[in-house]
Amino acid sequence: MIKHDIQSPAQYAVFRTSMMAGDYSAYLGAALAGFTGAIIGMNADGFGIGTHTSVNKI
């Protein structure tokens, strides 16, 4: 799970399970469609993030 620390505009935590295909991720606690490009991979020692602005924004 990745939590965003800026709440304006509204940002939601992102999660991915090992049951999700490809690099599909979803928002936690929001009735929004799932998306790709957030959590792109899960491995034994962590996970990789993509370029989606919900997880990789400066």
PDB file of N, CA and C in Angstrom:
ATOM      1  N   MET A   1       0.847  -1.160   0.000  1.00  0.00           N
ATOM      2  CA  MET A   1       0.000   0.000   0.000  1.00  0.00           C
ATOM      3  C   MET A   1       0.901   1.234   0.000  1.00  0.00           C
ATOM      4  N   ILE A   2       0.501   2.212  -0.763  1.00  0.00           N
ATOM      5  CA  ILE A   2       1.207   3.485  -0.808  1.00  0.00           C
ATOM      6  C   ILE A   2       0.225   4.566  -0.396  1.00  0.00           C
ATOM      7  N   LYS A   3       0.613   5.376   0.598  1.00  0.00           N
ATOM      8  CA  LYS A   3      -0.250   6.452   1.066  1.00  0.00           C
ATOM      9  C   LYS A   3       0.345   7.786   0.648  1.00  0.00           C
ATOM     10  N   HIS A   4      -0.484   8.636   0.135  1.00  0.00           N
ATOM     11  CA  HIS A   4      -0.078   9.970  -0.287  1.00  0.00           C
ATOM     12  C   HIS A   4      -0.204  10.897   0.908  1.00  0.00           C
ATOM     13  N   ASP A   5       0.734  11.822   1.113  1.00  0.00           N
ATOM     14  CA  ASP A   5       0.671  12.700   2.275  1.00  0.00           C
ATOM     15  C   ASP A   5       0.051  14.064   2.007  1.00  0.00           C
ATOM     16  N   ILE A   6      -0.270  14.352   0.765  1.00  0.00           N
ATOM     17  CA  ILE A   6      -0.913  15.621   0.427  1.00  0.00           C
ATOM     18  C   ILE A   6      -2.396  15.354   0.180  1.00  0.00           C
ATOM     19  N   GLN A   7      -3.263  16.048   0.872  1.00  0.00           N
ATOM     20  CA  GLN A   7      -4.693  15.781   0.773  1.00  0.00           C
ATOM     21  C   GLN A   7      -5.443  16.779  -0.102  1.00  0.00           C
ATOM     22  N   SER A   8      -4.749  17.696  -0.752  1.00  0.00           N
ATOM     23  CA  SER A   8      -5.415  18.631  -1.635  1.00  0.00           C
ATOM     24  C   SER A   8      -4.622  18.721  -2.931  1.00  0.00           C
ATOM     25  N   PRO A   9      -5.098  18.317  -4.058  1.00  0.00           N
ATOM     26  CA  PRO A   9      -6.403  17.681  -4.247  1.00  0.00           C
ATOM     27  C   PRO A   9      -6.430  16.295  -3.612  1.00  0.00           C
ATOM     28  N   ALA A  10      -7.636  15.783  -3.454  1.00  0.00           N
ATOM     29  CA  ALA A  10      -7.813  14.494  -2.782  1.00  0.00           C
ATOM     30  C   ALA A  10      -6.967  13.403  -3.426  1.00  0.00           C
ATOM     31  N   GLN A  11      -6.171  12.730  -2.620  1.00  0.00           N
ATOM     32  CA  GLN A  11      -5.352  11.606  -3.062  1.00  0.00           C
ATOM     33  C   GLN A  11      -5.682  10.423  -2.170  1.00  0.00           C
ATOM     34  N   TYR A  12      -5.737   9.250  -2.725  1.00  0.00           N
ATOM     35  CA  TYR A  12      -6.117   8.062  -1.982  1.00  0.00           C
ATOM     36  C   TYR A  12      -4.966   7.068  -1.927  1.00  0.00           C
ATOM     37  N   ALA A  13      -4.959   6.254  -0.892  1.00  0.00           N
ATOM     38  CA  ALA A  13      -3.974   5.189  -0.796  1.00  0.00           C
ATOM     39  C   ALA A  13      -4.178   4.228  -1.965  1.00  0.00           C
ATOM     40  N   VAL A  14      -3.090   3.661  -2.438  1.00  0.00           N
ATOM     41  CA  VAL A  14      -3.102   2.735  -3.564  1.00  0.00           C
ATOM     42  C   VAL A  14      -2.652   1.373  -3.065  1.00  0.00           C
ATOM     43  N   PHE A  15      -3.291   0.311  -3.560  1.00  0.00           N
ATOM     44  CA  PHE A  15      -2.863  -1.022  -3.158  1.00  0.00           C
ATOM     45  C   PHE A  15      -2.854  -1.966  -4.335  1.00  0.00           C
ATOM     46  N   ARG A  16      -2.142  -3.052  -4.151  1.00  0.00           N
ATOM     47  CA  ARG A  16      -2.102  -4.124  -5.134  1.00  0.00           C
ATOM     48  C   ARG A  16      -1.903  -5.435  -4.393  1.00  0.00           C
ATOM     49  N   THR A  17      -2.569  -6.476  -4.847  1.00  0.00           N
ATOM     50  CA  THR A  17      -2.380  -7.799  -4.258  1.00  0.00           C
ATOM     51  C   THR A  17      -1.714  -8.713  -5.279  1.00  0.00           C
ATOM     52  N   SER A  18      -1.228  -9.827  -4.813  1.00  0.00           N
ATOM     53  CA  SER A  18      -0.586 -10.784  -5.724  1.00  0.00           C
ATOM     54  C   SER A  18      -1.589 -11.418  -6.674  1.00  0.00           C
ATOM     55  N   MET A  19      -2.869 -11.280  -6.400  1.00  0.00           N
ATOM     56  CA  MET A  19      -3.915 -11.825  -7.265  1.00  0.00           C
ATOM     57  C   MET A  19      -4.256 -10.909  -8.442  1.00  0.00           C
ATOM     58  N   MET A  20      -3.767  -9.679  -8.429  1.00  0.00           N
ATOM     59  CA  MET A  20      -4.062  -8.727  -9.500  1.00  0.00           C
ATOM     60  C   MET A  20      -3.125  -8.978 -10.680  1.00  0.00           C
ATOM     61  N   ALA A  21      -3.698  -9.003 -11.868  1.00  0.00           N
ATOM     62  CA  ALA A  21      -2.927  -9.293 -13.089  1.00  0.00           C
ATOM     63  C   ALA A  21      -2.132  -8.078 -13.551  1.00  0.00           C
ATOM     64  N   GLY A  22      -1.039  -8.340 -14.250  1.00  0.00           N
ATOM     65  CA  GLY A  22      -0.233  -7.270 -14.843  1.00  0.00           C
ATOM     66  C   GLY A  22       0.249  -6.282 -13.808  1.00  0.00           C
ATOM     67  N   ASP A  23       0.136  -4.997 -14.116  1.00  0.00           N
ATOM     68  CA  ASP A  23       0.495  -3.978 -13.128  1.00  0.00           C
ATOM     69  C   ASP A  23      -0.740  -3.209 -12.655  1.00  0.00           C
ATOM     70  N   TYR A  24      -1.857  -3.926 -12.582  1.00  0.00           N
ATOM     71  CA  TYR A  24      -3.128  -3.364 -12.143  1.00  0.00           C
ATOM     72  C   TYR A  24      -3.060  -3.014 -10.663  1.00  0.00           C
ATOM     73  N   SER A  25      -3.522  -1.831 -10.289  1.00  0.00           N
ATOM     74  CA  SER A  25      -3.600  -1.371  -8.904  1.00  0.00           C
ATOM     75  C   SER A  25      -4.986  -0.782  -8.679  1.00  0.00           C
ATOM     76  N   ALA A  26      -5.310  -0.522  -7.426  1.00  0.00           N
ATOM     77  CA  ALA A  26      -6.612   0.045  -7.105  1.00  0.00           C
ATOM     78  C   ALA A  26      -6.463   1.051  -5.974  1.00  0.00           C
ATOM     79  N   TYR A  27      -7.451   1.941  -5.859  1.00  0.00           N
ATOM     80  CA  TYR A  27      -7.490   2.899  -4.760  1.00  0.00           C
ATOM     81  C   TYR A  27      -8.163   2.251  -3.559  1.00  0.00           C
ATOM     82  N   LEU A  28      -7.643   2.517  -2.386  1.00  0.00           N
ATOM     83  CA  LEU A  28      -8.220   2.004  -1.153  1.00  0.00           C
ATOM     84  C   LEU A  28      -9.158   3.058  -0.579  1.00  0.00           C
ATOM     85  N   GLY A  29     -10.379   2.674  -0.291  1.00  0.00           N
ATOM     86  CA  GLY A  29     -11.328   3.589   0.319  1.00  0.00           C
ATOM     87  C   GLY A  29     -11.940   4.589  -0.629  1.00  0.00           C
ATOM     88  N   ALA A  30     -11.894   4.334  -1.917  1.00  0.00           N
ATOM     89  CA  ALA A  30     -12.493   5.235  -2.898  1.00  0.00           C
ATOM     90  C   ALA A  30     -13.182   4.414  -3.972  1.00  0.00           C
ATOM     91  N   ALA A  31     -14.356   4.834  -4.331  1.00  0.00           N
ATOM     92  CA  ALA A  31     -15.120   4.116  -5.358  1.00  0.00           C
ATOM     93  C   ALA A  31     -14.690   4.595  -6.746  1.00  0.00           C
ATOM     94  N   LEU A  32     -13.419   4.372  -7.049  1.00  0.00           N
ATOM     95  CA  LEU A  32     -12.860   4.773  -8.333  1.00  0.00           C
ATOM     96  C   LEU A  32     -12.363   3.537  -9.064  1.00  0.00           C
ATOM     97  N   ALA A  33     -12.295   3.623 -10.369  1.00  0.00           N
ATOM     98  CA  ALA A  33     -11.833   2.489 -11.171  1.00  0.00           C
ATOM     99  C   ALA A  33     -10.359   2.199 -10.904  1.00  0.00           C
ATOM    100  N   GLY A  34      -9.999   0.920 -10.989  1.00  0.00           N
ATOM    101  CA  GLY A  34      -8.602   0.533 -10.887  1.00  0.00           C
ATOM    102  C   GLY A  34      -7.819   1.065 -12.080  1.00  0.00           C
ATOM    103  N   PHE A  35      -6.508   0.989 -12.015  1.00  0.00           N
ATOM    104  CA  PHE A  35      -5.679   1.578 -13.053  1.00  0.00           C
ATOM    105  C   PHE A  35      -4.327   0.881 -13.112  1.00  0.00           C
ATOM    106  N   THR A  36      -3.541   1.212 -14.111  1.00  0.00           N
ATOM    107  CA  THR A  36      -2.205   0.637 -14.264  1.00  0.00           C
ATOM    108  C   THR A  36      -1.162   1.736 -14.099  1.00  0.00           C
ATOM    109  N   GLY A  37       0.094   1.324 -13.917  1.00  0.00           N
ATOM    110  CA  GLY A  37       1.183   2.281 -13.832  1.00  0.00           C
ATOM    111  C   GLY A  37       1.489   2.773 -12.437  1.00  0.00           C
ATOM    112  N   ALA A  38       0.896   2.185 -11.419  1.00  0.00           N
ATOM    113  CA  ALA A  38       1.164   2.610 -10.042  1.00  0.00           C
ATOM    114  C   ALA A  38       2.154   1.644  -9.394  1.00  0.00           C
ATOM    115  N   ILE A  39       1.662   0.541  -8.856  1.00  0.00           N
ATOM    116  CA  ILE A  39       2.536  -0.495  -8.308  1.00  0.00           C
ATOM    117  C   ILE A  39       2.742  -1.502  -9.429  1.00  0.00           C
ATOM    118  N   ILE A  40       3.920  -1.488 -10.021  1.00  0.00           N
ATOM    119  CA  ILE A  40       4.127  -2.263 -11.247  1.00  0.00           C
ATOM    120  C   ILE A  40       4.702  -3.648 -11.013  1.00  0.00           C
ATOM    121  N   GLY A  41       5.211  -3.912  -9.829  1.00  0.00           N
ATOM    122  CA  GLY A  41       5.760  -5.231  -9.577  1.00  0.00           C
ATOM    123  C   GLY A  41       5.906  -5.516  -8.100  1.00  0.00           C
ATOM    124  N   MET A  42       5.729  -6.775  -7.750  1.00  0.00           N
ATOM    125  CA  MET A  42       5.913  -7.221  -6.378  1.00  0.00           C
ATOM    126  C   MET A  42       6.979  -8.305  -6.399  1.00  0.00           C
ATOM    127  N   ASN A  43       7.906  -8.221  -5.457  1.00  0.00           N
ATOM    128  CA  ASN A  43       8.954  -9.232  -5.385  1.00  0.00           C
ATOM    129  C   ASN A  43       9.227  -9.592  -3.926  1.00  0.00           C
ATOM    130  N   ALA A  44      10.175 -10.442  -3.689  1.00  0.00           N
ATOM    131  CA  ALA A  44      10.428 -10.964  -2.346  1.00  0.00           C
ATOM    132  C   ALA A  44      10.819  -9.882  -1.337  1.00  0.00           C
ATOM    133  N   ASP A  45      11.476  -8.815  -1.796  1.00  0.00           N
ATOM    134  CA  ASP A  45      11.938  -7.805  -0.840  1.00  0.00           C
ATOM    135  C   ASP A  45      11.253  -6.449  -0.988  1.00  0.00           C
ATOM    136  N   GLY A  46      10.117  -6.407  -1.648  1.00  0.00           N
ATOM    137  CA  GLY A  46       9.392  -5.146  -1.757  1.00  0.00           C
ATOM    138  C   GLY A  46       8.558  -5.061  -3.015  1.00  0.00           C
ATOM    139  N   PHE A  47       8.517  -3.865  -3.597  1.00  0.00           N
ATOM    140  CA  PHE A  47       7.711  -3.646  -4.787  1.00  0.00           C
ATOM    141  C   PHE A  47       8.316  -2.527  -5.607  1.00  0.00           C
ATOM    142  N   GLY A  48       7.898  -2.447  -6.871  1.00  0.00           N
ATOM    143  CA  GLY A  48       8.345  -1.381  -7.754  1.00  0.00           C
ATOM    144  C   GLY A  48       7.187  -0.451  -8.062  1.00  0.00           C
ATOM    145  N   ILE A  49       7.475   0.842  -8.175  1.00  0.00           N
ATOM    146  CA  ILE A  49       6.424   1.790  -8.520  1.00  0.00           C
ATOM    147  C   ILE A  49       6.616   2.283  -9.941  1.00  0.00           C
ATOM    148  N   GLY A  50       5.497   2.658 -10.542  1.00  0.00           N
ATOM    149  CA  GLY A  50       5.511   3.149 -11.917  1.00  0.00           C
ATOM    150  C   GLY A  50       5.517   4.654 -11.977  1.00  0.00           C
ATOM    151  N   THR A  51       5.013   5.172 -13.073  1.00  0.00           N
ATOM    152  CA  THR A  51       5.043   6.617 -13.320  1.00  0.00           C
ATOM    153  C   THR A  51       3.708   7.302 -13.069  1.00  0.00           C
ATOM    154  N   HIS A  52       2.694   6.566 -12.643  1.00  0.00           N
ATOM    155  CA  HIS A  52       1.383   7.178 -12.369  1.00  0.00           C
ATOM    156  C   HIS A  52       1.546   8.234 -11.279  1.00  0.00           C
ATOM    157  N   THR A  53       0.923   9.394 -11.452  1.00  0.00           N
ATOM    158  CA  THR A  53       1.097  10.499 -10.504  1.00  0.00           C
ATOM    159  C   THR A  53       0.591  10.212  -9.094  1.00  0.00           C
ATOM    160  N   SER A  54      -0.235   9.201  -8.922  1.00  0.00           N
ATOM    161  CA  SER A  54      -0.713   8.883  -7.575  1.00  0.00           C
ATOM    162  C   SER A  54       0.364   8.241  -6.721  1.00  0.00           C
ATOM    163  N   VAL A  55       1.441   7.753  -7.323  1.00  0.00           N
ATOM    164  CA  VAL A  55       2.508   7.109  -6.551  1.00  0.00           C
ATOM    165  C   VAL A  55       3.886   7.717  -6.814  1.00  0.00           C
ATOM    166  N   ASN A  56       4.031   8.506  -7.853  1.00  0.00           N
ATOM    167  CA  ASN A  56       5.354   8.985  -8.231  1.00  0.00           C
ATOM    168  C   ASN A  56       5.252  10.431  -8.707  1.00  0.00           C
ATOM    169  N   LYS A  57       5.074  11.330  -7.754  1.00  0.00           N
ATOM    170  CA  LYS A  57       4.934  12.747  -8.093  1.00  0.00           C
ATOM    171  C   LYS A  57       5.788  13.565  -7.138  1.00  0.00           C
ATOM    172  N   ILE A  58       6.506  14.486  -7.691  1.00  0.00           N
ATOM    173  CA  ILE A  58       7.348  15.355  -6.856  1.00  0.00           C
ATOM    174  C   ILE A  58       6.684  16.694  -6.695  1.00  0.00           C
TER     175      ILE A  58
END
